[in-house]
Amino acid sequence: MHEGRPLPMSPRTVSSQAAWRHHMWLALLVVAISAFSFIAACATPFAAFAAVAALTLSRGDALRITVALWLADQIVGYAIHGYPRTLESVAWGAAIGAAALLATWTARWAVTRLQAAAPLARALSAFLGAFSVYEAALLGVAVSGLGGTESFTLGIVTRILFVNAVAFVGLCGLHRLGARIGLSSIEDGRRPQGSWERLHG
């Protein structure tokens, strides 16, 4: 009757598959940052994750996944790397979480504001905005009383920027691979994000 042609999928089936791909992408992000945390203690590239989350998720999902990523990082830090169980350590953990959320919000703001810009410009703006705000927030915490300003020398910040840039490129590649094999979708919180697809297509 249908001459061998596949039957069209129902809207419910399409929605279910999209939700599955969405959750798989969120899970991949959590696994990826856990791997980074395990390998590079105290150098987790939160700015890179913030930028990729802003480019591929809605604002709400990006902020929620940032909290999940931060929790995963803290668990790895205290359970495996032996972070000191002191008030100062806990305070720094909270500061990092707040800075990561602020970086995610900034990256998402840049992505939203630059809808008409070239895809590469949007991606770079999200990444550089997230990194700048993240480092500035942590420097502000260090100056305000927690200490650690010696960790913000040009050499150290440059190294951290390099780590985040490598992570950003790697996560972009992961997202591209996931999209190709159906494990992640491309979205900006409302509809498929053509600019992201063109950037990595």
C-alpha atoms as a PDB file:
ATOM      1  CA  MET A   1       0.000   0.000   0.000  1.00  0.00           C
ATOM      2  CA  HIS A   2       2.876   2.322   0.786  1.00  0.00           C
ATOM      3  CA  GLU A   3       5.022   0.921  -2.021  1.00  0.00           C
ATOM      4  CA  GLY A   4       7.897   0.113   0.297  1.00  0.00           C
ATOM      5  CA  ARG A   5       8.192   3.693   1.564  1.00  0.00           C
ATOM      6  CA  PRO A   6       8.765   4.157   5.322  1.00  0.00           C
ATOM      7  CA  LEU A   7       5.817   5.513   7.209  1.00  0.00           C
ATOM      8  CA  PRO A   8       6.228   9.067   8.552  1.00  0.00           C
ATOM      9  CA  MET A   9       6.928   9.285  12.262  1.00  0.00           C
ATOM     10  CA  SER A  10       4.240  10.702  14.504  1.00  0.00           C
ATOM     11  CA  PRO A  11       4.860  14.039  16.274  1.00  0.00           C
ATOM     12  CA  ARG A  12       5.030  12.151  19.573  1.00  0.00           C
ATOM     13  CA  THR A  13       7.765   9.868  18.240  1.00  0.00           C
ATOM     14  CA  VAL A  14       9.759  12.826  16.885  1.00  0.00           C
ATOM     15  CA  SER A  15       9.395  14.647  20.210  1.00  0.00           C
ATOM     16  CA  SER A  16      10.501  11.551  22.126  1.00  0.00           C
ATOM     17  CA  GLN A  17      13.588  11.134  19.956  1.00  0.00           C
ATOM     18  CA  ALA A  18      14.478  14.813  20.326  1.00  0.00           C
ATOM     19  CA  ALA A  19      14.171  14.563  24.108  1.00  0.00           C
ATOM     20  CA  TRP A  20      16.378  11.461  24.128  1.00  0.00           C
ATOM     21  CA  ARG A  21      19.073  13.228  22.064  1.00  0.00           C
ATOM     22  CA  HIS A  22      18.822  16.257  24.348  1.00  0.00           C
ATOM     23  CA  HIS A  23      19.358  14.195  27.493  1.00  0.00           C
ATOM     24  CA  MET A  24      22.216  12.317  25.876  1.00  0.00           C
ATOM     25  CA  TRP A  25      23.978  15.607  25.129  1.00  0.00           C
ATOM     26  CA  LEU A  26      23.524  16.734  28.731  1.00  0.00           C
ATOM     27  CA  ALA A  27      24.937  13.415  29.936  1.00  0.00           C
ATOM     28  CA  LEU A  28      27.913  13.738  27.595  1.00  0.00           C
ATOM     29  CA  LEU A  29      28.684  17.180  29.021  1.00  0.00           C
ATOM     30  CA  VAL A  30      28.632  15.844  32.577  1.00  0.00           C
ATOM     31  CA  VAL A  31      30.880  12.909  31.639  1.00  0.00           C
ATOM     32  CA  ALA A  32      33.256  15.214  29.769  1.00  0.00           C
ATOM     33  CA  ILE A  33      33.737  17.657  32.623  1.00  0.00           C
ATOM     34  CA  SER A  34      34.133  14.786  35.069  1.00  0.00           C
ATOM     35  CA  ALA A  35      36.941  13.479  32.867  1.00  0.00           C
ATOM     36  CA  PHE A  36      38.546  16.930  32.753  1.00  0.00           C
ATOM     37  CA  SER A  37      38.239  17.232  36.538  1.00  0.00           C
ATOM     38  CA  PHE A  38      39.846  13.830  37.008  1.00  0.00           C
ATOM     39  CA  ILE A  39      42.773  14.650  34.718  1.00  0.00           C
ATOM     40  CA  ALA A  40      43.344  18.318  35.530  1.00  0.00           C
ATOM     41  CA  ALA A  41      42.668  19.117  39.171  1.00  0.00           C
ATOM     42  CA  CYS A  42      42.001  22.821  39.841  1.00  0.00           C
ATOM     43  CA  ALA A  43      42.010  23.540  36.098  1.00  0.00           C
ATOM     44  CA  THR A  44      38.525  22.486  35.036  1.00  0.00           C
ATOM     45  CA  PRO A  45      37.650  24.548  31.913  1.00  0.00           C
ATOM     46  CA  PHE A  46      34.350  25.959  33.122  1.00  0.00           C
ATOM     47  CA  ALA A  47      34.485  28.851  30.631  1.00  0.00           C
ATOM     48  CA  ALA A  48      34.680  26.425  27.709  1.00  0.00           C
ATOM     49  CA  PHE A  49      31.752  24.405  29.053  1.00  0.00           C
ATOM     50  CA  ALA A  50      29.783  27.605  29.654  1.00  0.00           C
ATOM     51  CA  ALA A  51      30.279  28.726  26.060  1.00  0.00           C
ATOM     52  CA  VAL A  52      29.308  25.362  24.562  1.00  0.00           C
ATOM     53  CA  ALA A  53      26.271  25.108  26.834  1.00  0.00           C
ATOM     54  CA  ALA A  54      25.211  28.613  25.780  1.00  0.00           C
ATOM     55  CA  LEU A  55      25.574  27.697  22.106  1.00  0.00           C
ATOM     56  CA  THR A  56      23.718  24.390  22.289  1.00  0.00           C
ATOM     57  CA  LEU A  57      21.152  24.729  25.086  1.00  0.00           C
ATOM     58  CA  SER A  58      18.411  27.079  26.212  1.00  0.00           C
ATOM     59  CA  ARG A  59      19.302  29.516  28.985  1.00  0.00           C
ATOM     60  CA  GLY A  60      17.533  27.458  31.627  1.00  0.00           C
ATOM     61  CA  ASP A  61      19.144  24.194  30.574  1.00  0.00           C
ATOM     62  CA  ALA A  62      22.554  25.853  30.255  1.00  0.00           C
ATOM     63  CA  LEU A  63      22.366  27.156  33.819  1.00  0.00           C
ATOM     64  CA  ARG A  64      21.087  23.849  35.173  1.00  0.00           C
ATOM     65  CA  ILE A  65      23.793  21.834  33.453  1.00  0.00           C
ATOM     66  CA  THR A  66      26.382  24.273  34.798  1.00  0.00           C
ATOM     67  CA  VAL A  67      25.254  23.453  38.331  1.00  0.00           C
ATOM     68  CA  ALA A  68      25.451  19.732  37.545  1.00  0.00           C
ATOM     69  CA  LEU A  69      28.929  20.135  36.052  1.00  0.00           C
ATOM     70  CA  TRP A  70      30.095  22.094  39.080  1.00  0.00           C
ATOM     71  CA  LEU A  71      28.746  19.422  41.443  1.00  0.00           C
ATOM     72  CA  ALA A  72      30.520  16.719  39.442  1.00  0.00           C
ATOM     73  CA  ASP A  73      33.753  18.709  39.631  1.00  0.00           C
ATOM     74  CA  GLN A  74      33.436  19.143  43.390  1.00  0.00           C
ATOM     75  CA  ILE A  75      32.722  15.449  43.941  1.00  0.00           C
ATOM     76  CA  VAL A  76      35.774  14.459  41.914  1.00  0.00           C
ATOM     77  CA  GLY A  77      37.867  17.047  43.712  1.00  0.00           C
ATOM     78  CA  TYR A  78      37.000  15.994  47.248  1.00  0.00           C
ATOM     79  CA  ALA A  79      36.621  12.258  46.625  1.00  0.00           C
ATOM     80  CA  ILE A  80      39.619  11.670  44.342  1.00  0.00           C
ATOM     81  CA  HIS A  81      41.995  14.619  44.427  1.00  0.00           C
ATOM     82  CA  GLY A  82      41.758  15.103  48.162  1.00  0.00           C
ATOM     83  CA  TYR A  83      40.746  18.745  48.296  1.00  0.00           C
ATOM     84  CA  PRO A  84      41.226  20.035  51.868  1.00  0.00           C
ATOM     85  CA  ARG A  85      38.036  19.935  53.898  1.00  0.00           C
ATOM     86  CA  THR A  86      38.364  23.464  55.223  1.00  0.00           C
ATOM     87  CA  LEU A  87      36.093  26.480  55.290  1.00  0.00           C
ATOM     88  CA  GLU A  88      38.345  28.279  52.819  1.00  0.00           C
ATOM     89  CA  SER A  89      38.190  25.347  50.395  1.00  0.00           C
ATOM     90  CA  VAL A  90      34.396  25.222  50.606  1.00  0.00           C
ATOM     91  CA  ALA A  91      34.225  28.989  50.086  1.00  0.00           C
ATOM     92  CA  TRP A  92      36.388  28.725  46.976  1.00  0.00           C
ATOM     93  CA  GLY A  93      34.185  25.917  45.697  1.00  0.00           C
ATOM     94  CA  ALA A  94      31.105  28.103  46.098  1.00  0.00           C
ATOM     95  CA  ALA A  95      32.897  31.000  44.397  1.00  0.00           C
ATOM     96  CA  ILE A  96      33.827  28.798  41.451  1.00  0.00           C
ATOM     97  CA  GLY A  97      30.224  27.669  41.127  1.00  0.00           C
ATOM     98  CA  ALA A  98      28.953  31.244  41.171  1.00  0.00           C
ATOM     99  CA  ALA A  99      31.590  32.320  38.642  1.00  0.00           C
ATOM    100  CA  ALA A 100      30.657  29.411  36.368  1.00  0.00           C
ATOM    101  CA  LEU A 101      26.985  30.412  36.472  1.00  0.00           C
ATOM    102  CA  LEU A 102      27.879  34.030  35.733  1.00  0.00           C
ATOM    103  CA  ALA A 103      30.062  32.897  32.815  1.00  0.00           C
ATOM    104  CA  THR A 104      27.222  30.783  31.437  1.00  0.00           C
ATOM    105  CA  TRP A 105      24.763  33.654  31.713  1.00  0.00           C
ATOM    106  CA  THR A 106      27.225  35.969  29.951  1.00  0.00           C
ATOM    107  CA  ALA A 107      27.864  33.498  27.141  1.00  0.00           C
ATOM    108  CA  ARG A 108      24.144  32.923  26.667  1.00  0.00           C
ATOM    109  CA  TRP A 109      23.562  36.699  26.615  1.00  0.00           C
ATOM    110  CA  ALA A 110      26.213  37.088  23.911  1.00  0.00           C
ATOM    111  CA  VAL A 111      24.703  34.284  21.820  1.00  0.00           C
ATOM    112  CA  THR A 112      21.234  35.847  22.074  1.00  0.00           C
ATOM    113  CA  ARG A 113      22.435  39.362  21.292  1.00  0.00           C
ATOM    114  CA  LEU A 114      24.473  38.259  18.272  1.00  0.00           C
ATOM    115  CA  GLN A 115      21.778  36.248  16.486  1.00  0.00           C
ATOM    116  CA  ALA A 116      22.506  38.064  13.217  1.00  0.00           C
ATOM    117  CA  ALA A 117      26.289  37.769  13.484  1.00  0.00           C
ATOM    118  CA  ALA A 118      28.466  35.250  11.684  1.00  0.00           C
ATOM    119  CA  PRO A 119      28.540  31.814  13.376  1.00  0.00           C
ATOM    120  CA  LEU A 120      32.252  32.034  14.166  1.00  0.00           C
ATOM    121  CA  ALA A 121      31.810  35.489  15.687  1.00  0.00           C
ATOM    122  CA  ARG A 122      29.022  34.201  17.927  1.00  0.00           C
ATOM    123  CA  ALA A 123      31.071  31.230  19.070  1.00  0.00           C
ATOM    124  CA  LEU A 124      34.166  33.322  19.794  1.00  0.00           C
ATOM    125  CA  SER A 125      32.113  35.984  21.570  1.00  0.00           C
ATOM    126  CA  ALA A 126      30.485  33.353  23.785  1.00  0.00           C
ATOM    127  CA  PHE A 127      33.840  31.782  24.623  1.00  0.00           C
ATOM    128  CA  LEU A 128      35.802  34.995  25.243  1.00  0.00           C
ATOM    129  CA  GLY A 129      32.921  36.531  27.184  1.00  0.00           C
ATOM    130  CA  ALA A 130      32.588  33.464  29.397  1.00  0.00           C
ATOM    131  CA  PHE A 131      36.336  33.260  30.017  1.00  0.00           C
ATOM    132  CA  SER A 132      36.713  36.974  30.805  1.00  0.00           C
ATOM    133  CA  VAL A 133      33.791  37.045  33.227  1.00  0.00           C
ATOM    134  CA  TYR A 134      34.829  33.778  34.895  1.00  0.00           C
ATOM    135  CA  GLU A 135      38.400  34.935  35.526  1.00  0.00           C
ATOM    136  CA  ALA A 136      37.309  38.432  36.585  1.00  0.00           C
ATOM    137  CA  ALA A 137      34.818  36.996  39.072  1.00  0.00           C
ATOM    138  CA  LEU A 138      37.430  34.706  40.646  1.00  0.00           C
ATOM    139  CA  LEU A 139      39.974  37.519  40.775  1.00  0.00           C
ATOM    140  CA  GLY A 140      37.405  39.666  42.547  1.00  0.00           C
ATOM    141  CA  VAL A 141      36.877  36.916  45.124  1.00  0.00           C
ATOM    142  CA  ALA A 142      40.629  36.556  45.625  1.00  0.00           C
ATOM    143  CA  VAL A 143      41.124  40.295  46.099  1.00  0.00           C
ATOM    144  CA  SER A 144      38.116  40.625  48.411  1.00  0.00           C
ATOM    145  CA  GLY A 145      39.547  38.349  51.077  1.00  0.00           C
ATOM    146  CA  LEU A 146      39.949  34.694  50.145  1.00  0.00           C
ATOM    147  CA  GLY A 147      43.457  35.277  48.820  1.00  0.00           C
ATOM    148  CA  GLY A 148      45.197  33.556  45.958  1.00  0.00           C
ATOM    149  CA  THR A 149      45.918  36.595  43.796  1.00  0.00           C
ATOM    150  CA  GLU A 150      49.270  35.031  42.925  1.00  0.00           C
ATOM    151  CA  SER A 151      47.316  32.573  40.759  1.00  0.00           C
ATOM    152  CA  PHE A 152      46.327  35.374  38.388  1.00  0.00           C
ATOM    153  CA  THR A 153      49.689  36.177  36.838  1.00  0.00           C
ATOM    154  CA  LEU A 154      49.829  36.615  33.068  1.00  0.00           C
ATOM    155  CA  GLY A 155      51.546  33.255  32.618  1.00  0.00           C
ATOM    156  CA  ILE A 156      48.988  31.325  34.652  1.00  0.00           C
ATOM    157  CA  VAL A 157      45.977  33.057  33.088  1.00  0.00           C
ATOM    158  CA  THR A 158      47.433  32.427  29.619  1.00  0.00           C
ATOM    159  CA  ARG A 159      47.841  28.736  30.434  1.00  0.00           C
ATOM    160  CA  ILE A 160      44.265  28.526  31.692  1.00  0.00           C
ATOM    161  CA  LEU A 161      43.053  30.294  28.536  1.00  0.00           C
ATOM    162  CA  PHE A 162      44.889  27.705  26.445  1.00  0.00           C
ATOM    163  CA  VAL A 163      43.341  24.828  28.411  1.00  0.00           C
ATOM    164  CA  ASN A 164      39.881  26.325  27.947  1.00  0.00           C
ATOM    165  CA  ALA A 165      40.455  26.942  24.240  1.00  0.00           C
ATOM    166  CA  VAL A 166      41.502  23.317  23.708  1.00  0.00           C
ATOM    167  CA  ALA A 167      38.483  22.128  25.702  1.00  0.00           C
ATOM    168  CA  PHE A 168      36.182  24.412  23.718  1.00  0.00           C
ATOM    169  CA  VAL A 169      37.411  23.032  20.403  1.00  0.00           C
ATOM    170  CA  GLY A 170      37.139  19.490  21.739  1.00  0.00           C
ATOM    171  CA  LEU A 171      33.583  20.013  22.954  1.00  0.00           C
ATOM    172  CA  CYS A 172      32.613  21.560  19.632  1.00  0.00           C
ATOM    173  CA  GLY A 173      33.956  18.441  17.967  1.00  0.00           C
ATOM    174  CA  LEU A 174      32.060  16.255  20.432  1.00  0.00           C
ATOM    175  CA  HIS A 175      28.844  18.092  19.697  1.00  0.00           C
ATOM    176  CA  ARG A 176      29.401  17.816  15.962  1.00  0.00           C
ATOM    177  CA  LEU A 177      30.027  14.092  16.275  1.00  0.00           C
ATOM    178  CA  GLY A 178      26.983  13.676  18.487  1.00  0.00           C
ATOM    179  CA  ALA A 179      24.808  15.549  15.986  1.00  0.00           C
ATOM    180  CA  ARG A 180      26.045  13.400  13.128  1.00  0.00           C
ATOM    181  CA  ILE A 181      25.256  10.126  14.879  1.00  0.00           C
ATOM    182  CA  GLY A 182      22.027  11.351  16.438  1.00  0.00           C
ATOM    183  CA  LEU A 183      23.138  11.668  20.064  1.00  0.00           C
ATOM    184  CA  SER A 184      22.800  15.433  20.295  1.00  0.00           C
ATOM    185  CA  SER A 185      20.565  18.011  18.717  1.00  0.00           C
ATOM    186  CA  ILE A 186      21.297  21.560  17.634  1.00  0.00           C
ATOM    187  CA  GLU A 187      19.159  24.141  19.331  1.00  0.00           C
ATOM    188  CA  ASP A 188      19.101  27.614  20.798  1.00  0.00           C
ATOM    189  CA  GLY A 189      16.231  26.962  23.192  1.00  0.00           C
ATOM    190  CA  ARG A 190      13.528  27.686  20.607  1.00  0.00           C
ATOM    191  CA  ARG A 191      14.372  26.020  17.266  1.00  0.00           C
ATOM    192  CA  PRO A 192      17.293  24.368  15.431  1.00  0.00           C
ATOM    193  CA  GLN A 193      20.197  26.800  15.485  1.00  0.00           C
ATOM    194  CA  GLY A 194      21.283  27.107  11.880  1.00  0.00           C
ATOM    195  CA  SER A 195      24.332  29.212  12.649  1.00  0.00           C
ATOM    196  CA  TRP A 196      25.814  26.552  14.940  1.00  0.00           C
ATOM    197  CA  GLU A 197      25.129  23.892  12.343  1.00  0.00           C
ATOM    198  CA  ARG A 198      26.754  25.954   9.590  1.00  0.00           C
ATOM    199  CA  LEU A 199      29.771  26.617  11.784  1.00  0.00           C
ATOM    200  CA  HIS A 200      30.395  22.896  12.291  1.00  0.00           C
ATOM    201  CA  GLY A 201      28.859  21.473   9.140  1.00  0.00           C
END
